[in-house]
N, C-alpha and C. Protein backbone atom coordinates (compact mmCIF):
# COMPACT_ATOMS: atom_id res chain seq x y z
N UNK A 1 42.50 42.49 33.50
CA UNK A 1 41.57 43.33 32.73
C UNK A 1 40.35 43.65 33.59
N UNK A 2 40.00 44.94 33.69
CA UNK A 2 38.84 45.35 34.46
C UNK A 2 37.55 45.01 33.75
N UNK A 3 36.45 45.08 34.50
CA UNK A 3 35.15 44.74 33.92
C UNK A 3 34.80 45.64 32.74
N UNK A 4 35.09 46.94 32.89
CA UNK A 4 34.74 47.88 31.82
C UNK A 4 35.53 47.59 30.55
N UNK A 5 36.81 47.29 30.70
CA UNK A 5 37.62 46.98 29.54
C UNK A 5 37.16 45.68 28.88
N UNK A 6 36.73 44.72 29.70
CA UNK A 6 36.22 43.46 29.15
C UNK A 6 34.96 43.70 28.34
N UNK A 7 34.10 44.60 28.82
CA UNK A 7 32.87 44.94 28.09
C UNK A 7 33.21 45.60 26.76
N UNK A 8 34.17 46.53 26.79
CA UNK A 8 34.58 47.20 25.56
C UNK A 8 35.11 46.21 24.53
N UNK A 9 35.96 45.31 25.00
CA UNK A 9 36.54 44.33 24.09
C UNK A 9 35.45 43.41 23.52
N UNK A 10 34.51 43.03 24.37
CA UNK A 10 33.41 42.18 23.89
C UNK A 10 32.61 42.88 22.81
N UNK A 11 32.34 44.19 23.03
CA UNK A 11 31.57 44.95 22.04
C UNK A 11 32.28 44.99 20.70
N UNK A 12 33.60 45.15 20.73
CA UNK A 12 34.38 45.17 19.49
C UNK A 12 34.31 43.81 18.80
N UNK A 13 34.52 42.75 19.57
CA UNK A 13 34.56 41.41 18.99
C UNK A 13 33.19 40.95 18.52
N UNK A 14 32.12 41.48 19.16
CA UNK A 14 30.77 41.04 18.80
C UNK A 14 30.23 41.76 17.56
N UNK A 15 30.85 42.88 17.19
CA UNK A 15 30.37 43.65 16.04
C UNK A 15 30.86 43.01 14.75
N UNK A 16 29.94 42.71 13.87
CA UNK A 16 30.28 42.12 12.57
C UNK A 16 30.32 43.24 11.53
N UNK A 17 31.48 43.48 10.98
CA UNK A 17 31.63 44.54 9.99
C UNK A 17 31.44 43.94 8.59
N UNK A 18 30.54 44.52 7.79
CA UNK A 18 30.36 44.01 6.43
C UNK A 18 31.67 43.99 5.65
N UNK A 19 31.80 43.07 4.74
CA UNK A 19 33.06 42.89 4.01
C UNK A 19 33.51 44.16 3.31
N UNK A 20 32.57 44.90 2.68
CA UNK A 20 32.98 46.07 1.91
C UNK A 20 33.50 47.18 2.84
N UNK A 21 33.00 47.21 4.08
CA UNK A 21 33.51 48.21 5.02
C UNK A 21 34.85 47.75 5.60
N UNK A 22 35.00 46.45 5.81
CA UNK A 22 36.28 45.93 6.28
C UNK A 22 37.38 46.21 5.27
N UNK A 23 37.07 46.08 3.98
CA UNK A 23 38.07 46.40 2.95
C UNK A 23 38.39 47.89 2.96
N UNK A 24 37.37 48.72 3.13
CA UNK A 24 37.61 50.17 3.20
C UNK A 24 38.49 50.50 4.39
N UNK A 25 38.27 49.83 5.52
CA UNK A 25 39.10 50.06 6.70
C UNK A 25 40.58 49.74 6.41
N UNK A 26 40.81 48.63 5.72
CA UNK A 26 42.19 48.26 5.39
C UNK A 26 42.83 49.32 4.51
N UNK A 27 42.09 49.84 3.52
CA UNK A 27 42.62 50.90 2.65
C UNK A 27 42.92 52.16 3.48
N UNK A 28 42.01 52.50 4.38
CA UNK A 28 42.17 53.72 5.18
C UNK A 28 43.41 53.62 6.07
N UNK A 29 43.60 52.48 6.68
CA UNK A 29 44.75 52.31 7.58
C UNK A 29 46.07 52.36 6.81
N UNK A 30 46.04 51.91 5.56
CA UNK A 30 47.25 51.93 4.74
C UNK A 30 47.76 53.35 4.51
N UNK A 31 46.87 54.33 4.47
CA UNK A 31 47.29 55.71 4.21
C UNK A 31 47.38 56.54 5.50
N UNK A 32 47.18 55.87 6.63
CA UNK A 32 47.31 56.59 7.90
C UNK A 32 46.06 57.31 8.35
N UNK A 33 44.93 57.04 7.70
CA UNK A 33 43.67 57.62 8.17
C UNK A 33 43.26 56.92 9.46
N UNK A 34 42.36 57.55 10.20
CA UNK A 34 41.92 57.00 11.48
C UNK A 34 40.41 56.78 11.44
N UNK A 35 39.96 55.68 10.84
CA UNK A 35 38.52 55.44 10.74
C UNK A 35 37.89 55.14 12.10
N UNK A 36 36.61 55.39 12.22
CA UNK A 36 35.91 55.05 13.46
C UNK A 36 35.91 53.55 13.65
N UNK A 37 35.77 53.11 14.89
CA UNK A 37 35.74 51.69 15.18
C UNK A 37 34.45 51.07 14.65
N UNK A 38 34.45 49.76 14.52
CA UNK A 38 33.27 49.06 14.04
C UNK A 38 32.06 49.24 14.97
N UNK A 39 32.23 49.19 16.31
CA UNK A 39 31.06 49.42 17.16
C UNK A 39 30.44 50.81 16.98
N UNK A 40 31.27 51.83 16.83
CA UNK A 40 30.73 53.17 16.60
C UNK A 40 30.08 53.23 15.21
N UNK A 41 30.72 52.64 14.21
CA UNK A 41 30.12 52.61 12.88
C UNK A 41 28.77 51.93 12.89
N UNK A 42 28.66 50.82 13.61
CA UNK A 42 27.39 50.11 13.69
C UNK A 42 26.30 50.96 14.34
N UNK A 43 26.68 51.72 15.37
CA UNK A 43 25.71 52.62 16.00
C UNK A 43 25.21 53.68 15.04
N UNK A 44 26.12 54.24 14.25
CA UNK A 44 25.70 55.27 13.29
C UNK A 44 24.78 54.67 12.23
N UNK A 45 25.04 53.43 11.84
CA UNK A 45 24.19 52.77 10.85
C UNK A 45 22.78 52.58 11.41
N UNK A 46 22.69 52.18 12.67
CA UNK A 46 21.37 52.00 13.30
C UNK A 46 20.63 53.33 13.36
N UNK A 47 21.33 54.40 13.73
CA UNK A 47 20.69 55.71 13.81
C UNK A 47 20.24 56.19 12.43
N UNK A 48 21.05 55.95 11.41
CA UNK A 48 20.67 56.33 10.06
C UNK A 48 19.43 55.55 9.62
N UNK A 49 19.39 54.27 9.96
CA UNK A 49 18.24 53.45 9.59
C UNK A 49 16.99 53.87 10.36
N UNK A 50 17.15 54.12 11.65
CA UNK A 50 16.00 54.45 12.51
C UNK A 50 15.37 55.77 12.13
N UNK A 51 16.20 56.71 11.67
CA UNK A 51 15.68 58.03 11.31
C UNK A 51 15.27 58.12 9.84
N UNK A 52 15.53 57.07 9.07
CA UNK A 52 15.22 57.12 7.64
C UNK A 52 15.98 58.23 6.95
N UNK A 53 17.24 58.42 7.33
CA UNK A 53 18.03 59.53 6.81
C UNK A 53 18.17 59.46 5.29
N UNK A 54 17.97 60.61 4.66
CA UNK A 54 18.12 60.70 3.20
C UNK A 54 19.23 61.65 2.80
N UNK A 55 19.55 62.62 3.65
CA UNK A 55 20.61 63.58 3.36
C UNK A 55 21.57 63.64 4.55
N UNK A 56 22.82 63.27 4.29
CA UNK A 56 23.81 63.16 5.36
C UNK A 56 25.04 63.97 4.99
N UNK A 57 25.59 64.67 5.97
CA UNK A 57 26.86 65.38 5.82
C UNK A 57 27.88 64.73 6.75
N UNK A 58 29.06 64.51 6.22
CA UNK A 58 30.14 63.92 7.00
C UNK A 58 31.34 64.86 6.96
N UNK A 59 31.82 65.24 8.14
CA UNK A 59 33.00 66.10 8.24
C UNK A 59 34.17 65.23 8.66
N UNK A 60 35.04 64.92 7.70
CA UNK A 60 36.13 63.98 7.92
C UNK A 60 35.74 62.62 7.38
N UNK A 61 36.46 62.14 6.36
CA UNK A 61 36.04 60.91 5.69
C UNK A 61 36.45 59.63 6.41
N UNK A 62 37.56 59.68 7.16
CA UNK A 62 38.06 58.44 7.74
C UNK A 62 38.38 57.40 6.68
N UNK A 63 38.73 57.89 5.49
CA UNK A 63 39.04 56.97 4.40
C UNK A 63 37.83 56.25 3.83
N UNK A 64 36.63 56.72 4.17
CA UNK A 64 35.42 56.13 3.61
C UNK A 64 34.67 55.20 4.55
N UNK A 65 35.27 54.85 5.68
CA UNK A 65 34.66 53.86 6.58
C UNK A 65 33.36 54.35 7.19
N UNK A 66 33.38 55.53 7.79
CA UNK A 66 32.17 56.04 8.44
C UNK A 66 31.05 56.30 7.44
N UNK A 67 31.40 56.82 6.27
CA UNK A 67 30.39 57.06 5.25
C UNK A 67 29.73 55.78 4.80
N UNK A 68 30.51 54.72 4.64
CA UNK A 68 29.93 53.44 4.23
C UNK A 68 29.03 52.86 5.32
N UNK A 69 29.39 53.06 6.57
CA UNK A 69 28.52 52.62 7.66
C UNK A 69 27.19 53.38 7.62
N UNK A 70 27.25 54.69 7.43
CA UNK A 70 26.03 55.48 7.38
C UNK A 70 25.13 55.06 6.22
N UNK A 71 25.72 54.83 5.06
CA UNK A 71 24.94 54.40 3.90
C UNK A 71 24.48 52.95 4.04
N UNK A 72 25.21 52.17 4.80
CA UNK A 72 24.78 50.80 5.09
C UNK A 72 23.46 50.82 5.86
N UNK A 73 23.34 51.81 6.76
CA UNK A 73 22.11 51.93 7.54
C UNK A 73 20.98 52.55 6.75
N UNK A 74 21.31 53.42 5.82
CA UNK A 74 20.27 54.10 5.04
C UNK A 74 20.63 54.02 3.55
N UNK A 75 20.29 52.92 2.90
CA UNK A 75 20.72 52.67 1.52
C UNK A 75 20.23 53.68 0.50
N UNK A 76 19.20 54.47 0.84
CA UNK A 76 18.68 55.45 -0.13
C UNK A 76 19.25 56.85 0.11
N UNK A 77 20.11 56.99 1.10
CA UNK A 77 20.62 58.32 1.46
C UNK A 77 21.66 58.82 0.47
N UNK A 78 21.83 60.13 0.46
CA UNK A 78 22.92 60.78 -0.28
C UNK A 78 23.88 61.37 0.74
N UNK A 79 25.16 61.10 0.55
CA UNK A 79 26.19 61.52 1.50
C UNK A 79 27.07 62.61 0.89
N UNK A 80 27.25 63.69 1.63
CA UNK A 80 28.23 64.72 1.28
C UNK A 80 29.36 64.62 2.30
N UNK A 81 30.56 64.32 1.84
CA UNK A 81 31.68 64.16 2.76
C UNK A 81 32.76 65.20 2.48
N UNK A 82 33.27 65.80 3.53
CA UNK A 82 34.22 66.92 3.43
C UNK A 82 35.52 66.53 4.12
N UNK A 83 36.63 66.76 3.46
CA UNK A 83 37.93 66.47 4.08
C UNK A 83 38.99 67.37 3.48
N UNK A 84 39.94 67.77 4.29
CA UNK A 84 41.02 68.62 3.82
C UNK A 84 42.12 67.81 3.13
N UNK A 85 42.12 66.48 3.34
CA UNK A 85 43.15 65.62 2.79
C UNK A 85 42.68 64.97 1.48
N UNK A 86 43.22 65.39 0.33
CA UNK A 86 42.79 64.79 -0.94
C UNK A 86 42.99 63.28 -0.99
N UNK A 87 44.06 62.80 -0.35
CA UNK A 87 44.33 61.36 -0.39
C UNK A 87 43.24 60.58 0.35
N UNK A 88 42.75 61.13 1.45
CA UNK A 88 41.69 60.45 2.18
C UNK A 88 40.42 60.38 1.34
N UNK A 89 40.13 61.46 0.63
CA UNK A 89 38.96 61.47 -0.24
C UNK A 89 39.13 60.50 -1.41
N UNK A 90 40.34 60.44 -1.95
CA UNK A 90 40.60 59.53 -3.07
C UNK A 90 40.39 58.08 -2.66
N UNK A 91 40.87 57.73 -1.47
CA UNK A 91 40.69 56.37 -0.98
C UNK A 91 39.23 56.09 -0.70
N UNK A 92 38.53 57.10 -0.18
CA UNK A 92 37.09 56.93 0.05
C UNK A 92 36.36 56.69 -1.26
N UNK A 93 36.70 57.45 -2.30
CA UNK A 93 36.09 57.24 -3.62
C UNK A 93 36.31 55.81 -4.09
N UNK A 94 37.55 55.34 -3.93
CA UNK A 94 37.88 53.98 -4.35
C UNK A 94 37.04 52.96 -3.60
N UNK A 95 36.92 53.14 -2.29
CA UNK A 95 36.17 52.19 -1.47
C UNK A 95 34.68 52.24 -1.81
N UNK A 96 34.16 53.43 -2.09
CA UNK A 96 32.76 53.55 -2.48
C UNK A 96 32.52 52.85 -3.82
N UNK A 97 33.46 53.00 -4.74
CA UNK A 97 33.33 52.34 -6.04
C UNK A 97 33.37 50.82 -5.88
N UNK A 98 34.29 50.34 -5.03
CA UNK A 98 34.38 48.90 -4.79
C UNK A 98 33.11 48.37 -4.14
N UNK A 99 32.46 49.21 -3.32
CA UNK A 99 31.22 48.81 -2.66
C UNK A 99 30.01 49.01 -3.56
N UNK A 100 30.24 49.49 -4.79
CA UNK A 100 29.19 49.71 -5.79
C UNK A 100 28.15 50.72 -5.31
N UNK A 101 28.64 51.75 -4.64
CA UNK A 101 27.77 52.87 -4.27
C UNK A 101 27.59 53.73 -5.52
N UNK A 102 26.38 53.96 -5.98
CA UNK A 102 26.18 54.79 -7.18
C UNK A 102 26.80 56.17 -6.99
N UNK A 103 27.49 56.69 -8.01
CA UNK A 103 28.15 58.00 -7.89
C UNK A 103 27.20 59.11 -7.47
N UNK A 104 25.94 59.02 -7.83
CA UNK A 104 24.99 60.07 -7.49
C UNK A 104 24.67 60.11 -6.00
N UNK A 105 25.06 59.08 -5.26
CA UNK A 105 24.74 59.02 -3.83
C UNK A 105 25.87 59.54 -2.96
N UNK A 106 26.96 60.00 -3.57
CA UNK A 106 28.09 60.48 -2.77
C UNK A 106 28.73 61.70 -3.43
N UNK A 107 28.92 62.73 -2.62
CA UNK A 107 29.58 63.95 -3.12
C UNK A 107 30.81 64.17 -2.25
N UNK A 108 31.98 64.32 -2.89
CA UNK A 108 33.24 64.46 -2.18
C UNK A 108 33.74 65.90 -2.34
N UNK A 109 33.97 66.57 -1.22
CA UNK A 109 34.41 67.96 -1.25
C UNK A 109 35.75 68.08 -0.55
N UNK A 110 36.74 68.58 -1.30
CA UNK A 110 38.06 68.82 -0.72
C UNK A 110 38.12 70.24 -0.18
N UNK A 111 38.46 70.39 1.08
CA UNK A 111 38.57 71.74 1.65
C UNK A 111 38.44 71.71 3.16
N UNK A 112 38.66 72.87 3.76
CA UNK A 112 38.51 73.02 5.20
C UNK A 112 37.02 73.09 5.53
N UNK A 113 36.61 72.28 6.49
CA UNK A 113 35.19 72.27 6.87
C UNK A 113 34.73 73.66 7.31
N UNK A 114 35.62 74.40 7.96
CA UNK A 114 35.26 75.74 8.42
C UNK A 114 34.92 76.67 7.26
N UNK A 115 35.47 76.39 6.08
CA UNK A 115 35.17 77.20 4.90
C UNK A 115 33.94 76.68 4.15
N UNK A 116 33.75 75.37 4.17
CA UNK A 116 32.67 74.75 3.38
C UNK A 116 31.33 74.84 4.09
N UNK A 117 31.29 74.57 5.38
CA UNK A 117 30.02 74.47 6.11
C UNK A 117 29.18 75.74 6.08
N UNK A 118 29.78 76.94 6.19
CA UNK A 118 28.94 78.14 6.16
C UNK A 118 28.17 78.32 4.86
N UNK A 119 28.61 77.67 3.79
CA UNK A 119 27.95 77.82 2.50
C UNK A 119 26.84 76.79 2.27
N UNK A 120 26.66 75.88 3.21
CA UNK A 120 25.66 74.83 3.05
C UNK A 120 24.32 75.29 3.61
N UNK A 121 23.25 74.74 3.05
CA UNK A 121 21.89 75.15 3.43
C UNK A 121 21.52 74.65 4.81
N UNK A 122 21.05 75.56 5.65
CA UNK A 122 20.67 75.16 6.99
C UNK A 122 19.34 74.43 7.00
N UNK A 123 19.15 73.63 8.06
CA UNK A 123 17.92 72.84 8.26
C UNK A 123 17.61 71.96 7.05
N UNK A 124 18.65 71.42 6.41
CA UNK A 124 18.45 70.66 5.18
C UNK A 124 18.91 69.20 5.26
N UNK A 125 19.48 68.81 6.39
CA UNK A 125 20.08 67.48 6.47
C UNK A 125 19.51 66.69 7.64
N UNK A 126 19.52 65.38 7.49
CA UNK A 126 19.00 64.50 8.53
C UNK A 126 20.07 64.16 9.57
N UNK A 127 21.30 63.98 9.11
CA UNK A 127 22.41 63.65 10.00
C UNK A 127 23.63 64.44 9.59
N UNK A 128 24.34 64.98 10.58
CA UNK A 128 25.67 65.55 10.36
C UNK A 128 26.64 64.79 11.26
N UNK A 129 27.63 64.18 10.65
CA UNK A 129 28.61 63.36 11.35
C UNK A 129 29.90 64.15 11.46
N UNK A 130 30.35 64.42 12.68
CA UNK A 130 31.50 65.31 12.92
C UNK A 130 32.70 64.49 13.37
N UNK A 131 33.65 64.27 12.45
CA UNK A 131 34.85 63.50 12.78
C UNK A 131 36.08 64.16 12.17
N UNK A 132 36.16 65.48 12.34
CA UNK A 132 37.31 66.23 11.81
C UNK A 132 38.28 66.54 12.94
N UNK A 133 39.17 67.51 12.72
CA UNK A 133 40.17 67.86 13.72
C UNK A 133 39.49 68.26 15.03
N UNK A 134 40.00 67.68 16.11
CA UNK A 134 39.37 67.88 17.42
C UNK A 134 39.41 69.33 17.86
N UNK A 135 40.41 70.08 17.41
CA UNK A 135 40.53 71.48 17.83
C UNK A 135 39.33 72.32 17.37
N UNK A 136 38.69 71.90 16.28
CA UNK A 136 37.56 72.67 15.75
C UNK A 136 36.22 72.05 16.05
N UNK A 137 36.18 71.09 16.99
CA UNK A 137 34.96 70.31 17.18
C UNK A 137 33.78 71.17 17.63
N UNK A 138 34.01 72.17 18.47
CA UNK A 138 32.91 73.01 18.94
C UNK A 138 32.29 73.76 17.76
N UNK A 139 33.14 74.34 16.91
CA UNK A 139 32.64 75.07 15.74
C UNK A 139 31.87 74.14 14.81
N UNK A 140 32.38 72.93 14.60
CA UNK A 140 31.73 72.00 13.68
C UNK A 140 30.37 71.53 14.22
N UNK A 141 30.30 71.31 15.53
CA UNK A 141 29.03 70.91 16.12
C UNK A 141 28.01 72.03 16.00
N UNK A 142 28.45 73.26 16.20
CA UNK A 142 27.54 74.41 16.04
C UNK A 142 27.00 74.46 14.62
N UNK A 143 27.89 74.27 13.64
CA UNK A 143 27.44 74.23 12.25
C UNK A 143 26.48 73.07 12.03
N UNK A 144 26.83 71.91 12.60
CA UNK A 144 25.99 70.73 12.43
C UNK A 144 24.58 70.95 12.93
N UNK A 145 24.45 71.57 14.10
CA UNK A 145 23.13 71.84 14.66
C UNK A 145 22.35 72.83 13.80
N UNK A 146 23.06 73.68 13.10
CA UNK A 146 22.41 74.62 12.19
C UNK A 146 21.96 73.92 10.90
N UNK A 147 22.73 72.94 10.47
CA UNK A 147 22.46 72.29 9.19
C UNK A 147 21.37 71.23 9.27
N UNK A 148 21.20 70.59 10.42
CA UNK A 148 20.20 69.52 10.47
C UNK A 148 18.79 70.10 10.56
N UNK A 149 17.86 69.36 10.02
CA UNK A 149 16.44 69.74 10.08
C UNK A 149 15.95 69.60 11.52
N UNK A 150 14.79 70.17 11.85
CA UNK A 150 14.19 69.90 13.16
C UNK A 150 13.99 68.39 13.34
N UNK A 151 14.51 67.86 14.42
CA UNK A 151 14.47 66.42 14.62
C UNK A 151 15.66 65.70 14.02
N UNK A 152 16.58 66.47 13.40
CA UNK A 152 17.78 65.88 12.83
C UNK A 152 18.83 65.62 13.91
N UNK A 153 19.87 64.88 13.55
CA UNK A 153 20.85 64.43 14.54
C UNK A 153 22.27 64.77 14.15
N UNK A 154 23.04 65.25 15.13
CA UNK A 154 24.48 65.46 14.99
C UNK A 154 25.19 64.36 15.77
N UNK A 155 26.15 63.72 15.14
CA UNK A 155 26.89 62.63 15.75
C UNK A 155 28.36 63.02 15.88
N UNK A 156 28.92 62.82 17.08
CA UNK A 156 30.31 63.18 17.34
C UNK A 156 31.05 61.98 17.92
N UNK A 157 31.84 61.27 17.11
CA UNK A 157 32.63 60.16 17.65
C UNK A 157 33.89 60.68 18.35
N UNK A 158 34.57 59.81 19.06
CA UNK A 158 35.83 60.10 19.75
C UNK A 158 35.67 61.11 20.88
N UNK A 159 34.43 61.35 21.29
CA UNK A 159 34.17 62.43 22.23
C UNK A 159 34.73 62.13 23.63
N UNK A 160 35.10 60.90 23.89
CA UNK A 160 35.70 60.56 25.18
C UNK A 160 37.20 60.83 25.19
N UNK A 161 37.76 61.15 24.02
CA UNK A 161 39.18 61.50 23.91
C UNK A 161 40.08 60.48 24.58
N UNK A 162 39.81 59.21 24.30
CA UNK A 162 40.65 58.16 24.86
C UNK A 162 40.57 58.05 26.37
N UNK A 163 39.49 58.51 26.95
CA UNK A 163 39.33 58.48 28.40
C UNK A 163 39.74 59.76 29.09
N UNK A 164 40.30 60.70 28.33
CA UNK A 164 40.81 61.94 28.94
C UNK A 164 39.69 62.79 29.53
N UNK A 165 38.50 62.78 28.93
CA UNK A 165 37.43 63.64 29.42
C UNK A 165 36.98 63.24 30.82
N UNK A 166 37.21 61.99 31.19
CA UNK A 166 36.81 61.53 32.52
C UNK A 166 37.88 61.80 33.58
N UNK A 167 39.03 62.27 33.14
CA UNK A 167 40.13 62.55 34.06
C UNK A 167 40.13 64.03 34.41
N UNK A 168 39.75 64.40 35.64
CA UNK A 168 39.66 65.81 36.00
C UNK A 168 40.99 66.56 35.94
N UNK A 169 42.08 65.82 35.91
CA UNK A 169 43.40 66.46 35.85
C UNK A 169 43.70 66.98 34.45
N UNK A 170 43.09 66.36 33.43
CA UNK A 170 43.37 66.75 32.06
C UNK A 170 42.69 68.08 31.75
N UNK A 171 43.49 69.07 31.33
CA UNK A 171 42.96 70.40 31.07
C UNK A 171 43.37 70.95 29.71
N UNK A 172 43.84 70.09 28.82
CA UNK A 172 44.26 70.57 27.50
C UNK A 172 43.05 71.04 26.72
N UNK A 173 43.30 71.78 25.65
CA UNK A 173 42.22 72.42 24.90
C UNK A 173 41.24 71.41 24.31
N UNK A 174 41.76 70.31 23.76
CA UNK A 174 40.88 69.33 23.13
C UNK A 174 39.97 68.68 24.17
N UNK A 175 40.55 68.26 25.29
CA UNK A 175 39.75 67.63 26.34
C UNK A 175 38.69 68.59 26.86
N UNK A 176 39.07 69.83 27.06
CA UNK A 176 38.11 70.82 27.55
C UNK A 176 37.00 71.06 26.53
N UNK A 177 37.35 71.04 25.25
CA UNK A 177 36.33 71.25 24.21
C UNK A 177 35.30 70.12 24.22
N UNK A 178 35.78 68.88 24.32
CA UNK A 178 34.85 67.75 24.37
C UNK A 178 33.99 67.81 25.62
N UNK A 179 34.60 68.13 26.76
CA UNK A 179 33.81 68.24 27.99
C UNK A 179 32.74 69.31 27.85
N UNK A 180 33.11 70.43 27.24
CA UNK A 180 32.17 71.53 27.08
C UNK A 180 30.98 71.11 26.24
N UNK A 181 31.24 70.42 25.14
CA UNK A 181 30.15 69.96 24.28
C UNK A 181 29.22 69.01 25.03
N UNK A 182 29.80 68.09 25.75
CA UNK A 182 28.99 67.11 26.48
C UNK A 182 28.12 67.80 27.51
N UNK A 183 28.72 68.64 28.35
CA UNK A 183 27.98 69.27 29.44
C UNK A 183 26.92 70.24 28.92
N UNK A 184 27.30 71.06 27.94
CA UNK A 184 26.36 72.09 27.46
C UNK A 184 25.18 71.47 26.72
N UNK A 185 25.43 70.44 25.95
CA UNK A 185 24.33 69.85 25.19
C UNK A 185 23.42 69.01 26.08
N UNK A 186 23.97 68.40 27.12
CA UNK A 186 23.13 67.59 28.00
C UNK A 186 22.11 68.44 28.74
N UNK A 187 22.45 69.71 28.98
CA UNK A 187 21.54 70.58 29.73
C UNK A 187 20.76 71.53 28.83
N UNK A 188 20.94 71.41 27.52
CA UNK A 188 20.27 72.32 26.59
C UNK A 188 18.85 71.86 26.29
N UNK A 189 17.87 72.79 26.33
CA UNK A 189 16.50 72.42 25.96
C UNK A 189 16.32 72.27 24.45
N UNK A 190 17.34 72.66 23.68
CA UNK A 190 17.22 72.63 22.22
C UNK A 190 17.54 71.27 21.62
N UNK A 191 18.19 70.41 22.40
CA UNK A 191 18.57 69.10 21.88
C UNK A 191 18.32 68.01 22.91
N UNK A 192 18.15 66.80 22.39
CA UNK A 192 18.17 65.61 23.23
C UNK A 192 19.52 64.96 23.03
N UNK A 193 20.27 64.77 24.10
CA UNK A 193 21.62 64.25 23.98
C UNK A 193 21.80 62.93 24.69
N UNK A 194 22.62 62.05 24.10
CA UNK A 194 22.96 60.78 24.72
C UNK A 194 24.43 60.49 24.44
N UNK A 195 25.12 59.98 25.43
CA UNK A 195 26.54 59.68 25.30
C UNK A 195 26.75 58.18 25.41
N UNK A 196 27.26 57.60 24.33
CA UNK A 196 27.59 56.17 24.33
C UNK A 196 29.07 56.01 24.62
N UNK A 197 29.41 55.03 25.45
CA UNK A 197 30.82 54.80 25.79
C UNK A 197 31.40 53.61 25.03
N UNK A 198 30.63 53.04 24.12
CA UNK A 198 31.14 51.94 23.31
C UNK A 198 32.20 52.45 22.35
N UNK A 199 33.22 51.65 22.11
CA UNK A 199 34.29 52.07 21.21
C UNK A 199 34.98 53.30 21.75
N UNK A 200 35.21 54.27 20.89
CA UNK A 200 35.86 55.52 21.30
C UNK A 200 34.87 56.56 21.78
N UNK A 201 33.61 56.15 21.91
CA UNK A 201 32.58 57.06 22.39
C UNK A 201 31.83 57.70 21.24
N UNK A 202 30.55 57.98 21.46
CA UNK A 202 29.74 58.64 20.43
C UNK A 202 28.70 59.51 21.12
N UNK A 203 28.78 60.82 20.86
CA UNK A 203 27.79 61.75 21.36
C UNK A 203 26.70 61.90 20.31
N UNK A 204 25.46 61.72 20.74
CA UNK A 204 24.31 61.80 19.83
C UNK A 204 23.43 62.97 20.25
N UNK A 205 23.21 63.91 19.34
CA UNK A 205 22.45 65.11 19.63
C UNK A 205 21.33 65.25 18.61
N UNK A 206 20.10 65.13 19.07
CA UNK A 206 18.94 65.29 18.19
C UNK A 206 18.23 66.58 18.52
N UNK A 207 18.05 67.42 17.52
CA UNK A 207 17.41 68.72 17.77
C UNK A 207 15.92 68.52 18.07
N UNK A 208 15.44 69.33 18.97
CA UNK A 208 14.04 69.25 19.39
C UNK A 208 13.19 70.11 18.46
N UNK A 209 12.23 69.48 17.82
CA UNK A 209 11.33 70.21 16.93
C UNK A 209 10.33 71.02 17.75
N UNK A 210 10.23 72.29 17.46
CA UNK A 210 9.28 73.13 18.19
C UNK A 210 7.86 72.83 17.74
N UNK A 211 6.89 72.83 18.67
CA UNK A 211 5.50 72.52 18.31
C UNK A 211 4.96 73.53 17.30
């Protein structure tokens, strides 16, 4: 095992997942959903807590795991989660109920994110979490940057594509899309960007508030 792999494994083993999120993960895996890893979930919780997030949008439920992590970090926040799979939303509802999340703090929308996002109010959210189909990630990030308030944050997990983005030989559409987002946002004056390599990777983009 290489040093980097040992570090990754340590990060996974060192992360303590709250019981209600661990139960949600088990439910999600039973239906074939792909929830974010515990280290990535923990990072999103810290960011939600640090920013005092009150309004959060999630694109892709992951069976409720990522949403519960975000609300774990910001207990007063309201989460709007969008997914095209009714079963994933149903399991998320179940997990939220088991975690005793008040119904008023979570809104579940069934539909294609590409259809739902254009109808949402821009500059109205503190965090937009993008974990939907990788083929549409560029479009979703663009929407996310439009929806967050000045100083708001867009979070993109899985952005390392299993290590593919670091392999110059890989030229498939998904890998190129993730590379494009990383490179363009890192050099953009409109956002502050940071790339975490823990877990499956997490791109963090905070919009710069104009003076």
